[in-house]
All heavy atoms as atom14 arrays in JSON, in Angstrom:
{
  "sequence": "VSYAWAGFGASFGPLMLCSLYWRRTTLPGAVAGMLTGAVTVVAWKNLI",
  "atom14_mask": [
    [1, 1, 1, 1, 1, 1, 1, 0, 0, 0, 0, 0, 0, 0],
    [1, 1, 1, 1, 1, 1, 0, 0, 0, 0, 0, 0, 0, 0],
    [1, 1, 1, 1, 1, 1, 1, 1, 1, 1, 1, 1, 0, 0],
    [1, 1, 1, 1, 1, 0, 0, 0, 0, 0, 0, 0, 0, 0],
    [1, 1, 1, 1, 1, 1, 1, 1, 1, 1, 1, 1, 1, 1],
    [1, 1, 1, 1, 1, 0, 0, 0, 0, 0, 0, 0, 0, 0],
    [1, 1, 1, 1, 0, 0, 0, 0, 0, 0, 0, 0, 0, 0],
    [1, 1, 1, 1, 1, 1, 1, 1, 1, 1, 1, 0, 0, 0],
    [1, 1, 1, 1, 0, 0, 0, 0, 0, 0, 0, 0, 0, 0],
    [1, 1, 1, 1, 1, 0, 0, 0, 0, 0, 0, 0, 0, 0],
    [1, 1, 1, 1, 1, 1, 0, 0, 0, 0, 0, 0, 0, 0],
    [1, 1, 1, 1, 1, 1, 1, 1, 1, 1, 1, 0, 0, 0],
    [1, 1, 1, 1, 0, 0, 0, 0, 0, 0, 0, 0, 0, 0],
    [1, 1, 1, 1, 1, 1, 1, 0, 0, 0, 0, 0, 0, 0],
    [1, 1, 1, 1, 1, 1, 1, 1, 0, 0, 0, 0, 0, 0],
    [1, 1, 1, 1, 1, 1, 1, 1, 0, 0, 0, 0, 0, 0],
    [1, 1, 1, 1, 1, 1, 1, 1, 0, 0, 0, 0, 0, 0],
    [1, 1, 1, 1, 1, 1, 0, 0, 0, 0, 0, 0, 0, 0],
    [1, 1, 1, 1, 1, 1, 0, 0, 0, 0, 0, 0, 0, 0],
    [1, 1, 1, 1, 1, 1, 1, 1, 0, 0, 0, 0, 0, 0],
    [1, 1, 1, 1, 1, 1, 1, 1, 1, 1, 1, 1, 0, 0],
    [1, 1, 1, 1, 1, 1, 1, 1, 1, 1, 1, 1, 1, 1],
    [1, 1, 1, 1, 1, 1, 1, 1, 1, 1, 1, 0, 0, 0],
    [1, 1, 1, 1, 1, 1, 1, 1, 1, 1, 1, 0, 0, 0],
    [1, 1, 1, 1, 1, 1, 1, 0, 0, 0, 0, 0, 0, 0],
    [1, 1, 1, 1, 1, 1, 1, 0, 0, 0, 0, 0, 0, 0],
    [1, 1, 1, 1, 1, 1, 1, 1, 0, 0, 0, 0, 0, 0],
    [1, 1, 1, 1, 1, 1, 1, 0, 0, 0, 0, 0, 0, 0],
    [1, 1, 1, 1, 0, 0, 0, 0, 0, 0, 0, 0, 0, 0],
    [1, 1, 1, 1, 1, 0, 0, 0, 0, 0, 0, 0, 0, 0],
    [1, 1, 1, 1, 1, 1, 1, 0, 0, 0, 0, 0, 0, 0],
    [1, 1, 1, 1, 1, 0, 0, 0, 0, 0, 0, 0, 0, 0],
    [1, 1, 1, 1, 0, 0, 0, 0, 0, 0, 0, 0, 0, 0],
    [1, 1, 1, 1, 1, 1, 1, 1, 0, 0, 0, 0, 0, 0],
    [1, 1, 1, 1, 1, 1, 1, 1, 0, 0, 0, 0, 0, 0],
    [1, 1, 1, 1, 1, 1, 1, 0, 0, 0, 0, 0, 0, 0],
    [1, 1, 1, 1, 0, 0, 0, 0, 0, 0, 0, 0, 0, 0],
    [1, 1, 1, 1, 1, 0, 0, 0, 0, 0, 0, 0, 0, 0],
    [1, 1, 1, 1, 1, 1, 1, 0, 0, 0, 0, 0, 0, 0],
    [1, 1, 1, 1, 1, 1, 1, 0, 0, 0, 0, 0, 0, 0],
    [1, 1, 1, 1, 1, 1, 1, 0, 0, 0, 0, 0, 0, 0],
    [1, 1, 1, 1, 1, 1, 1, 0, 0, 0, 0, 0, 0, 0],
    [1, 1, 1, 1, 1, 0, 0, 0, 0, 0, 0, 0, 0, 0],
    [1, 1, 1, 1, 1, 1, 1, 1, 1, 1, 1, 1, 1, 1],
    [1, 1, 1, 1, 1, 1, 1, 1, 1, 0, 0, 0, 0, 0],
    [1, 1, 1, 1, 1, 1, 1, 1, 0, 0, 0, 0, 0, 0],
    [1, 1, 1, 1, 1, 1, 1, 1, 0, 0, 0, 0, 0, 0],
    [1, 1, 1, 1, 1, 1, 1, 1, 0, 0, 0, 0, 0, 0]
  ],
  "atom14_positions": [
    [[48.45, 100.47, 121.21], [48.91, 100.9, 119.89], [49.8, 102.14, 120.0], [50.8, 102.25, 119.3], [47.7, 101.17, 118.97], [48.13, 101.88, 117.69], [47.0, 99.86, 118.61], [0.0, 0.0, 0.0], [0.0, 0.0, 0.0], [0.0, 0.0, 0.0], [0.0, 0.0, 0.0], [0.0, 0.0, 0.0], [0.0, 0.0, 0.0], [0.0, 0.0, 0.0]],
    [[49.44, 103.07, 120.88], [50.22, 104.32, 120.97], [51.66, 104.04, 121.38], [52.59, 104.7, 120.92], [49.56, 105.28, 121.96], [49.69, 104.83, 123.29], [0.0, 0.0, 0.0], [0.0, 0.0, 0.0], [0.0, 0.0, 0.0], [0.0, 0.0, 0.0], [0.0, 0.0, 0.0], [0.0, 0.0, 0.0], [0.0, 0.0, 0.0], [0.0, 0.0, 0.0]],
    [[51.86, 103.04, 122.22], [53.21, 102.7, 122.69], [54.04, 102.1, 121.56], [55.18, 102.51, 121.31], [53.08, 101.71, 123.86], [54.37, 101.45, 124.61], [55.25, 102.47, 124.91], [54.69, 100.17, 125.03], [56.43, 102.23, 125.62], [55.86, 99.91, 125.74], [56.72, 100.95, 126.02], [57.88, 100.7, 126.71], [0.0, 0.0, 0.0], [0.0, 0.0, 0.0]],
    [[53.47, 101.12, 120.85], [54.2, 100.49, 119.75], [54.43, 101.47, 118.6], [55.48, 101.47, 117.96], [53.44, 99.26, 119.26], [0.0, 0.0, 0.0], [0.0, 0.0, 0.0], [0.0, 0.0, 0.0], [0.0, 0.0, 0.0], [0.0, 0.0, 0.0], [0.0, 0.0, 0.0], [0.0, 0.0, 0.0], [0.0, 0.0, 0.0], [0.0, 0.0, 0.0]],
    [[53.45, 102.32, 118.36], [53.55, 103.33, 117.3], [54.74, 104.27, 117.57], [55.53, 104.58, 116.68], [52.25, 104.12, 117.24], [52.14, 105.12, 116.13], [52.52, 106.43, 116.17], [51.63, 104.89, 114.81], [52.26, 107.04, 114.97], [51.72, 106.13, 114.11], [51.09, 103.78, 114.17], [51.28, 106.26, 112.79], [50.66, 103.91, 112.85], [50.76, 105.14, 112.18]],
    [[54.85, 104.69, 118.82], [55.96, 105.57, 119.2], [57.29, 104.84, 119.04], [58.28, 105.43, 118.58], [55.79, 106.03, 120.65], [0.0, 0.0, 0.0], [0.0, 0.0, 0.0], [0.0, 0.0, 0.0], [0.0, 0.0, 0.0], [0.0, 0.0, 0.0], [0.0, 0.0, 0.0], [0.0, 0.0, 0.0], [0.0, 0.0, 0.0], [0.0, 0.0, 0.0]],
    [[57.33, 103.57, 119.4], [58.57, 102.8, 119.3], [59.1, 102.75, 117.88], [60.29, 103.01, 117.64], [0.0, 0.0, 0.0], [0.0, 0.0, 0.0], [0.0, 0.0, 0.0], [0.0, 0.0, 0.0], [0.0, 0.0, 0.0], [0.0, 0.0, 0.0], [0.0, 0.0, 0.0], [0.0, 0.0, 0.0], [0.0, 0.0, 0.0], [0.0, 0.0, 0.0]],
    [[58.23, 102.45, 116.93], [58.66, 102.38, 115.53], [58.97, 103.76, 114.96], [59.95, 103.95, 114.24], [57.59, 101.71, 114.68], [57.59, 100.21, 114.78], [56.44, 99.53, 115.13], [58.74, 99.48, 114.53], [56.44, 98.15, 115.24], [58.75, 98.1, 114.63], [57.6, 97.43, 114.99], [0.0, 0.0, 0.0], [0.0, 0.0, 0.0], [0.0, 0.0, 0.0]],
    [[58.11, 104.72, 115.28], [58.31, 106.06, 114.74], [59.63, 106.66, 115.15], [60.35, 107.26, 114.33], [0.0, 0.0, 0.0], [0.0, 0.0, 0.0], [0.0, 0.0, 0.0], [0.0, 0.0, 0.0], [0.0, 0.0, 0.0], [0.0, 0.0, 0.0], [0.0, 0.0, 0.0], [0.0, 0.0, 0.0], [0.0, 0.0, 0.0], [0.0, 0.0, 0.0]],
    [[60.0, 106.5, 116.42], [61.25, 107.08, 116.91], [62.48, 106.27, 116.5], [63.55, 106.83, 116.27], [61.2, 107.2, 118.43], [0.0, 0.0, 0.0], [0.0, 0.0, 0.0], [0.0, 0.0, 0.0], [0.0, 0.0, 0.0], [0.0, 0.0, 0.0], [0.0, 0.0, 0.0], [0.0, 0.0, 0.0], [0.0, 0.0, 0.0], [0.0, 0.0, 0.0]],
    [[62.35, 104.95, 116.39], [63.49, 104.11, 116.04], [63.85, 104.2, 114.57], [65.03, 104.33, 114.2], [63.2, 102.64, 116.4], [62.89, 102.49, 117.76], [0.0, 0.0, 0.0], [0.0, 0.0, 0.0], [0.0, 0.0, 0.0], [0.0, 0.0, 0.0], [0.0, 0.0, 0.0], [0.0, 0.0, 0.0], [0.0, 0.0, 0.0], [0.0, 0.0, 0.0]],
    [[62.84, 104.12, 113.71], [63.08, 104.02, 112.26], [62.83, 105.31, 111.5], [63.42, 105.53, 110.44], [62.19, 102.92, 111.67], [62.52, 101.53, 112.13], [61.6, 100.5, 112.0], [63.74, 101.22, 112.7], [61.88, 99.21, 112.41], [64.04, 99.94, 113.13], [63.11, 98.93, 112.98], [0.0, 0.0, 0.0], [0.0, 0.0, 0.0], [0.0, 0.0, 0.0]],
    [[61.92, 106.16, 112.01], [61.53, 107.35, 111.25], [62.67, 108.31, 110.94], [62.91, 108.64, 109.77], [0.0, 0.0, 0.0], [0.0, 0.0, 0.0], [0.0, 0.0, 0.0], [0.0, 0.0, 0.0], [0.0, 0.0, 0.0], [0.0, 0.0, 0.0], [0.0, 0.0, 0.0], [0.0, 0.0, 0.0], [0.0, 0.0, 0.0], [0.0, 0.0, 0.0]],
    [[63.41, 108.81, 111.94], [64.5, 109.73, 111.65], [65.56, 109.12, 110.74], [66.08, 109.79, 109.84], [65.09, 110.02, 113.04], [63.96, 109.76, 113.99], [63.22, 108.61, 113.39], [0.0, 0.0, 0.0], [0.0, 0.0, 0.0], [0.0, 0.0, 0.0], [0.0, 0.0, 0.0], [0.0, 0.0, 0.0], [0.0, 0.0, 0.0], [0.0, 0.0, 0.0]],
    [[65.87, 107.84, 110.95], [66.87, 107.19, 110.12], [66.38, 107.03, 108.68], [67.16, 107.19, 107.74], [67.23, 105.82, 110.71], [68.27, 105.02, 109.92], [69.55, 105.83, 109.72], [68.58, 103.7, 110.62], [0.0, 0.0, 0.0], [0.0, 0.0, 0.0], [0.0, 0.0, 0.0], [0.0, 0.0, 0.0], [0.0, 0.0, 0.0], [0.0, 0.0, 0.0]],
    [[65.1, 106.73, 108.5], [64.56, 106.6, 107.15], [64.69, 107.93, 106.4], [65.13, 107.97, 105.24], [63.1, 106.16, 107.2], [62.44, 106.0, 105.83], [63.28, 104.81, 104.75], [62.9, 103.27, 105.59], [0.0, 0.0, 0.0], [0.0, 0.0, 0.0], [0.0, 0.0, 0.0], [0.0, 0.0, 0.0], [0.0, 0.0, 0.0], [0.0, 0.0, 0.0]],
    [[64.34, 109.04, 107.03], [64.43, 110.34, 106.38], [65.88, 110.7, 106.06], [66.19, 111.19, 104.96], [63.81, 111.41, 107.27], [62.29, 111.31, 107.46], [61.8, 112.34, 108.47], [61.57, 111.48, 106.13], [0.0, 0.0, 0.0], [0.0, 0.0, 0.0], [0.0, 0.0, 0.0], [0.0, 0.0, 0.0], [0.0, 0.0, 0.0], [0.0, 0.0, 0.0]],
    [[66.79, 110.45, 107.01], [68.2, 110.74, 106.76], [68.77, 109.83, 105.68], [69.58, 110.27, 104.85], [69.0, 110.57, 108.05], [68.7, 111.86, 109.3], [0.0, 0.0, 0.0], [0.0, 0.0, 0.0], [0.0, 0.0, 0.0], [0.0, 0.0, 0.0], [0.0, 0.0, 0.0], [0.0, 0.0, 0.0], [0.0, 0.0, 0.0], [0.0, 0.0, 0.0]],
    [[68.35, 108.58, 105.65], [68.84, 107.64, 104.64], [68.46, 108.08, 103.24], [69.24, 107.93, 102.29], [68.27, 106.23, 104.91], [68.71, 105.72, 106.14], [0.0, 0.0, 0.0], [0.0, 0.0, 0.0], [0.0, 0.0, 0.0], [0.0, 0.0, 0.0], [0.0, 0.0, 0.0], [0.0, 0.0, 0.0], [0.0, 0.0, 0.0], [0.0, 0.0, 0.0]],
    [[67.27, 108.63, 103.1], [66.77, 109.01, 101.78], [67.21, 110.4, 101.34], [67.28, 110.68, 100.14], [65.24, 108.94, 101.77], [64.61, 107.56, 102.03], [63.09, 107.7, 102.09], [65.0, 106.57, 100.94], [0.0, 0.0, 0.0], [0.0, 0.0, 0.0], [0.0, 0.0, 0.0], [0.0, 0.0, 0.0], [0.0, 0.0, 0.0], [0.0, 0.0, 0.0]],
    [[67.53, 111.28, 102.32], [67.76, 112.68, 101.97], [69.14, 113.23, 102.34], [69.54, 114.27, 101.8], [66.7, 113.56, 102.64], [65.35, 113.5, 101.95], [64.37, 112.61, 102.37], [65.08, 114.31, 100.84], [63.13, 112.55, 101.73], [63.86, 114.26, 100.2], [62.88, 113.37, 100.65], [61.68, 113.31, 100.0], [0.0, 0.0, 0.0], [0.0, 0.0, 0.0]],
    [[69.87, 112.58, 103.24], [71.14, 113.16, 103.68], [72.3, 112.24, 103.31], [72.48, 111.19, 103.9], [71.12, 113.42, 105.19], [72.27, 114.27, 105.65], [72.89, 115.27, 104.96], [72.94, 114.18, 106.91], [73.9, 115.82, 105.71], [73.95, 115.18, 106.91], [72.77, 113.38, 108.03], [74.8, 115.37, 108.0], [73.61, 113.58, 109.12], [74.62, 114.56, 109.1]],
    [[73.09, 112.69, 102.38], [74.22, 111.92, 101.85], [75.28, 111.64, 102.92], [75.98, 110.63, 102.87], [74.84, 112.73, 100.69], [75.92, 112.07, 99.89], [76.27, 113.01, 98.74], [77.22, 112.43, 97.8], [78.53, 112.6, 97.84], [79.07, 113.32, 98.82], [79.31, 112.05, 96.92], [0.0, 0.0, 0.0], [0.0, 0.0, 0.0], [0.0, 0.0, 0.0]],
    [[75.39, 112.51, 103.9], [76.48, 112.44, 104.88], [76.18, 111.47, 106.04], [77.02, 111.23, 106.9], [76.72, 113.85, 105.42], [77.87, 114.0, 106.43], [79.23, 113.68, 105.82], [80.33, 113.95, 106.74], [80.69, 113.17, 107.77], [80.02, 112.05, 108.01], [81.71, 113.51, 108.54], [0.0, 0.0, 0.0], [0.0, 0.0, 0.0], [0.0, 0.0, 0.0]],
    [[74.99, 110.9, 106.07], [74.64, 109.98, 107.16], [75.61, 108.8, 107.17], [75.89, 108.18, 106.15], [73.21, 109.44, 106.99], [72.31, 110.53, 106.76], [72.77, 108.69, 108.23], [0.0, 0.0, 0.0], [0.0, 0.0, 0.0], [0.0, 0.0, 0.0], [0.0, 0.0, 0.0], [0.0, 0.0, 0.0], [0.0, 0.0, 0.0], [0.0, 0.0, 0.0]],
    [[76.13, 108.47, 108.35], [77.1, 107.37, 108.45], [76.48, 106.18, 109.19], [75.46, 106.31, 109.87], [78.36, 107.82, 109.22], [77.98, 108.13, 110.58], [78.99, 109.04, 108.59], [0.0, 0.0, 0.0], [0.0, 0.0, 0.0], [0.0, 0.0, 0.0], [0.0, 0.0, 0.0], [0.0, 0.0, 0.0], [0.0, 0.0, 0.0], [0.0, 0.0, 0.0]],
    [[77.14, 105.04, 109.06], [76.68, 103.83, 109.75], [76.67, 104.01, 111.27], [75.67, 103.67, 111.92], [77.54, 102.63, 109.35], [77.24, 101.31, 110.06], [75.79, 100.89, 109.85], [78.19, 100.21, 109.57], [0.0, 0.0, 0.0], [0.0, 0.0, 0.0], [0.0, 0.0, 0.0], [0.0, 0.0, 0.0], [0.0, 0.0, 0.0], [0.0, 0.0, 0.0]],
    [[77.74, 104.54, 111.89], [77.67, 104.77, 113.35], [76.53, 105.71, 113.74], [75.87, 105.51, 114.77], [79.03, 105.39, 113.67], [79.94, 104.9, 112.59], [79.09, 104.84, 111.36], [0.0, 0.0, 0.0], [0.0, 0.0, 0.0], [0.0, 0.0, 0.0], [0.0, 0.0, 0.0], [0.0, 0.0, 0.0], [0.0, 0.0, 0.0], [0.0, 0.0, 0.0]],
    [[76.28, 106.73, 112.91], [75.17, 107.64, 113.18], [73.83, 106.92, 113.11], [72.94, 107.15, 113.93], [0.0, 0.0, 0.0], [0.0, 0.0, 0.0], [0.0, 0.0, 0.0], [0.0, 0.0, 0.0], [0.0, 0.0, 0.0], [0.0, 0.0, 0.0], [0.0, 0.0, 0.0], [0.0, 0.0, 0.0], [0.0, 0.0, 0.0], [0.0, 0.0, 0.0]],
    [[73.71, 106.02, 112.12], [72.47, 105.26, 111.96], [72.22, 104.35, 113.17], [71.1, 104.29, 113.71], [72.53, 104.44, 110.68], [0.0, 0.0, 0.0], [0.0, 0.0, 0.0], [0.0, 0.0, 0.0], [0.0, 0.0, 0.0], [0.0, 0.0, 0.0], [0.0, 0.0, 0.0], [0.0, 0.0, 0.0], [0.0, 0.0, 0.0], [0.0, 0.0, 0.0]],
    [[73.26, 103.64, 113.59], [73.13, 102.73, 114.74], [72.77, 103.52, 116.01], [71.85, 103.15, 116.76], [74.44, 101.94, 114.95], [74.38, 101.16, 116.27], [74.68, 100.99, 113.79], [0.0, 0.0, 0.0], [0.0, 0.0, 0.0], [0.0, 0.0, 0.0], [0.0, 0.0, 0.0], [0.0, 0.0, 0.0], [0.0, 0.0, 0.0], [0.0, 0.0, 0.0]],
    [[73.5, 104.61, 116.25], [73.26, 105.41, 117.45], [71.86, 106.01, 117.45], [71.17, 106.03, 118.49], [74.3, 106.52, 117.54], [0.0, 0.0, 0.0], [0.0, 0.0, 0.0], [0.0, 0.0, 0.0], [0.0, 0.0, 0.0], [0.0, 0.0, 0.0], [0.0, 0.0, 0.0], [0.0, 0.0, 0.0], [0.0, 0.0, 0.0], [0.0, 0.0, 0.0]],
    [[71.41, 106.49, 116.3], [70.09, 107.1, 116.21], [68.97, 106.09, 116.43], [68.0, 106.37, 117.15], [0.0, 0.0, 0.0], [0.0, 0.0, 0.0], [0.0, 0.0, 0.0], [0.0, 0.0, 0.0], [0.0, 0.0, 0.0], [0.0, 0.0, 0.0], [0.0, 0.0, 0.0], [0.0, 0.0, 0.0], [0.0, 0.0, 0.0], [0.0, 0.0, 0.0]],
    [[69.11, 104.9, 115.85], [68.08, 103.88, 116.02], [67.96, 103.45, 117.47], [66.85, 103.35, 118.02], [68.4, 102.66, 115.14], [67.3, 101.62, 115.12], [67.72, 100.19, 114.09], [67.65, 100.91, 112.46], [0.0, 0.0, 0.0], [0.0, 0.0, 0.0], [0.0, 0.0, 0.0], [0.0, 0.0, 0.0], [0.0, 0.0, 0.0], [0.0, 0.0, 0.0]],
    [[69.09, 103.23, 118.12], [69.07, 102.84, 119.53], [68.52, 103.95, 120.42], [67.75, 103.71, 121.35], [70.48, 102.47, 119.99], [71.04, 101.13, 119.47], [72.51, 100.99, 119.85], [70.23, 99.97, 120.03], [0.0, 0.0, 0.0], [0.0, 0.0, 0.0], [0.0, 0.0, 0.0], [0.0, 0.0, 0.0], [0.0, 0.0, 0.0], [0.0, 0.0, 0.0]],
    [[68.9, 105.2, 120.11], [68.41, 106.34, 120.89], [66.89, 106.43, 120.82], [66.23, 106.66, 121.84], [69.04, 107.64, 120.38], [70.45, 107.59, 120.55], [68.48, 108.85, 121.12], [0.0, 0.0, 0.0], [0.0, 0.0, 0.0], [0.0, 0.0, 0.0], [0.0, 0.0, 0.0], [0.0, 0.0, 0.0], [0.0, 0.0, 0.0], [0.0, 0.0, 0.0]],
    [[66.34, 106.26, 119.62], [64.89, 106.34, 119.47], [64.16, 105.3, 120.29], [63.19, 105.61, 121.01], [0.0, 0.0, 0.0], [0.0, 0.0, 0.0], [0.0, 0.0, 0.0], [0.0, 0.0, 0.0], [0.0, 0.0, 0.0], [0.0, 0.0, 0.0], [0.0, 0.0, 0.0], [0.0, 0.0, 0.0], [0.0, 0.0, 0.0], [0.0, 0.0, 0.0]],
    [[64.63, 104.05, 120.22], [63.96, 102.97, 120.95], [64.07, 103.15, 122.46], [63.07, 103.03, 123.19], [64.56, 101.62, 120.53], [0.0, 0.0, 0.0], [0.0, 0.0, 0.0], [0.0, 0.0, 0.0], [0.0, 0.0, 0.0], [0.0, 0.0, 0.0], [0.0, 0.0, 0.0], [0.0, 0.0, 0.0], [0.0, 0.0, 0.0], [0.0, 0.0, 0.0]],
    [[65.26, 103.46, 122.93], [65.49, 103.61, 124.37], [64.72, 104.81, 124.92], [64.13, 104.75, 126.02], [67.0, 103.74, 124.67], [67.23, 104.11, 126.13], [67.71, 102.43, 124.34], [0.0, 0.0, 0.0], [0.0, 0.0, 0.0], [0.0, 0.0, 0.0], [0.0, 0.0, 0.0], [0.0, 0.0, 0.0], [0.0, 0.0, 0.0], [0.0, 0.0, 0.0]],
    [[64.71, 105.91, 124.18], [64.0, 107.11, 124.64], [62.52, 106.85, 124.82], [61.91, 107.29, 125.81], [64.22, 108.28, 123.66], [65.62, 108.56, 123.55], [63.49, 109.52, 124.13], [0.0, 0.0, 0.0], [0.0, 0.0, 0.0], [0.0, 0.0, 0.0], [0.0, 0.0, 0.0], [0.0, 0.0, 0.0], [0.0, 0.0, 0.0], [0.0, 0.0, 0.0]],
    [[61.9, 106.15, 123.86], [60.47, 105.87, 123.96], [60.16, 105.07, 125.22], [59.24, 105.41, 125.99], [59.99, 105.1, 122.71], [58.62, 104.46, 122.96], [59.89, 106.05, 121.52], [0.0, 0.0, 0.0], [0.0, 0.0, 0.0], [0.0, 0.0, 0.0], [0.0, 0.0, 0.0], [0.0, 0.0, 0.0], [0.0, 0.0, 0.0], [0.0, 0.0, 0.0]],
    [[60.93, 104.02, 125.47], [60.68, 103.17, 126.64], [60.93, 103.95, 127.94], [60.11, 103.92, 128.87], [61.57, 101.91, 126.6], [61.41, 101.1, 127.88], [61.23, 101.06, 125.38], [0.0, 0.0, 0.0], [0.0, 0.0, 0.0], [0.0, 0.0, 0.0], [0.0, 0.0, 0.0], [0.0, 0.0, 0.0], [0.0, 0.0, 0.0], [0.0, 0.0, 0.0]],
    [[62.03, 104.69, 127.99], [62.38, 105.44, 129.2], [61.39, 106.59, 129.44], [60.97, 106.84, 130.58], [63.8, 105.99, 129.09], [0.0, 0.0, 0.0], [0.0, 0.0, 0.0], [0.0, 0.0, 0.0], [0.0, 0.0, 0.0], [0.0, 0.0, 0.0], [0.0, 0.0, 0.0], [0.0, 0.0, 0.0], [0.0, 0.0, 0.0], [0.0, 0.0, 0.0]],
    [[61.04, 107.31, 128.37], [60.14, 108.45, 128.52], [58.75, 108.0, 129.0], [58.16, 108.61, 129.89], [60.0, 109.2, 127.19], [59.51, 110.61, 127.35], [58.22, 111.01, 127.54], [60.31, 111.79, 127.37], [58.15, 112.38, 127.65], [59.43, 112.89, 127.55], [61.67, 112.04, 127.23], [59.87, 114.2, 127.62], [62.12, 113.35, 127.3], [61.22, 114.42, 127.49]],
    [[58.26, 106.93, 128.39], [56.93, 106.42, 128.74], [56.87, 106.0, 130.2], [55.89, 106.29, 130.91], [56.59, 105.24, 127.84], [55.33, 104.47, 128.2], [54.09, 105.23, 127.83], [52.85, 104.37, 128.02], [51.61, 105.12, 127.7], [0.0, 0.0, 0.0], [0.0, 0.0, 0.0], [0.0, 0.0, 0.0], [0.0, 0.0, 0.0], [0.0, 0.0, 0.0]],
    [[57.9, 105.32, 130.67], [57.84, 104.7, 132.0], [58.46, 105.54, 133.12], [58.06, 105.4, 134.29], [58.54, 103.34, 131.95], [57.82, 102.36, 131.05], [56.75, 101.88, 131.38], [58.38, 102.09, 129.89], [0.0, 0.0, 0.0], [0.0, 0.0, 0.0], [0.0, 0.0, 0.0], [0.0, 0.0, 0.0], [0.0, 0.0, 0.0], [0.0, 0.0, 0.0]],
    [[59.4, 106.42, 132.8], [60.12, 107.15, 133.84], [59.91, 108.66, 133.83], [59.86, 109.29, 134.87], [61.62, 106.85, 133.73], [62.05, 105.38, 133.84], [63.56, 105.25, 133.61], [61.64, 104.8, 135.19], [0.0, 0.0, 0.0], [0.0, 0.0, 0.0], [0.0, 0.0, 0.0], [0.0, 0.0, 0.0], [0.0, 0.0, 0.0], [0.0, 0.0, 0.0]],
    [[59.81, 109.24, 132.64], [59.78, 110.71, 132.53], [58.37, 111.27, 132.44], [58.03, 112.24, 133.12], [60.63, 111.16, 131.32], [62.08, 110.68, 131.5], [60.58, 112.67, 131.16], [62.98, 110.99, 130.33], [0.0, 0.0, 0.0], [0.0, 0.0, 0.0], [0.0, 0.0, 0.0], [0.0, 0.0, 0.0], [0.0, 0.0, 0.0], [0.0, 0.0, 0.0]]
  ]
}
């Protein structure tokens, strides 16, 4: 559960907050942030 929880929290959480509260958020920023969250969780868990 801790692994999957981290995956969703990092992928969707920052984007959800920015989507609801920051007018300046752009589509490229959203895509980059979502991918960064998912990749970081997998890499951090297994490599770092």
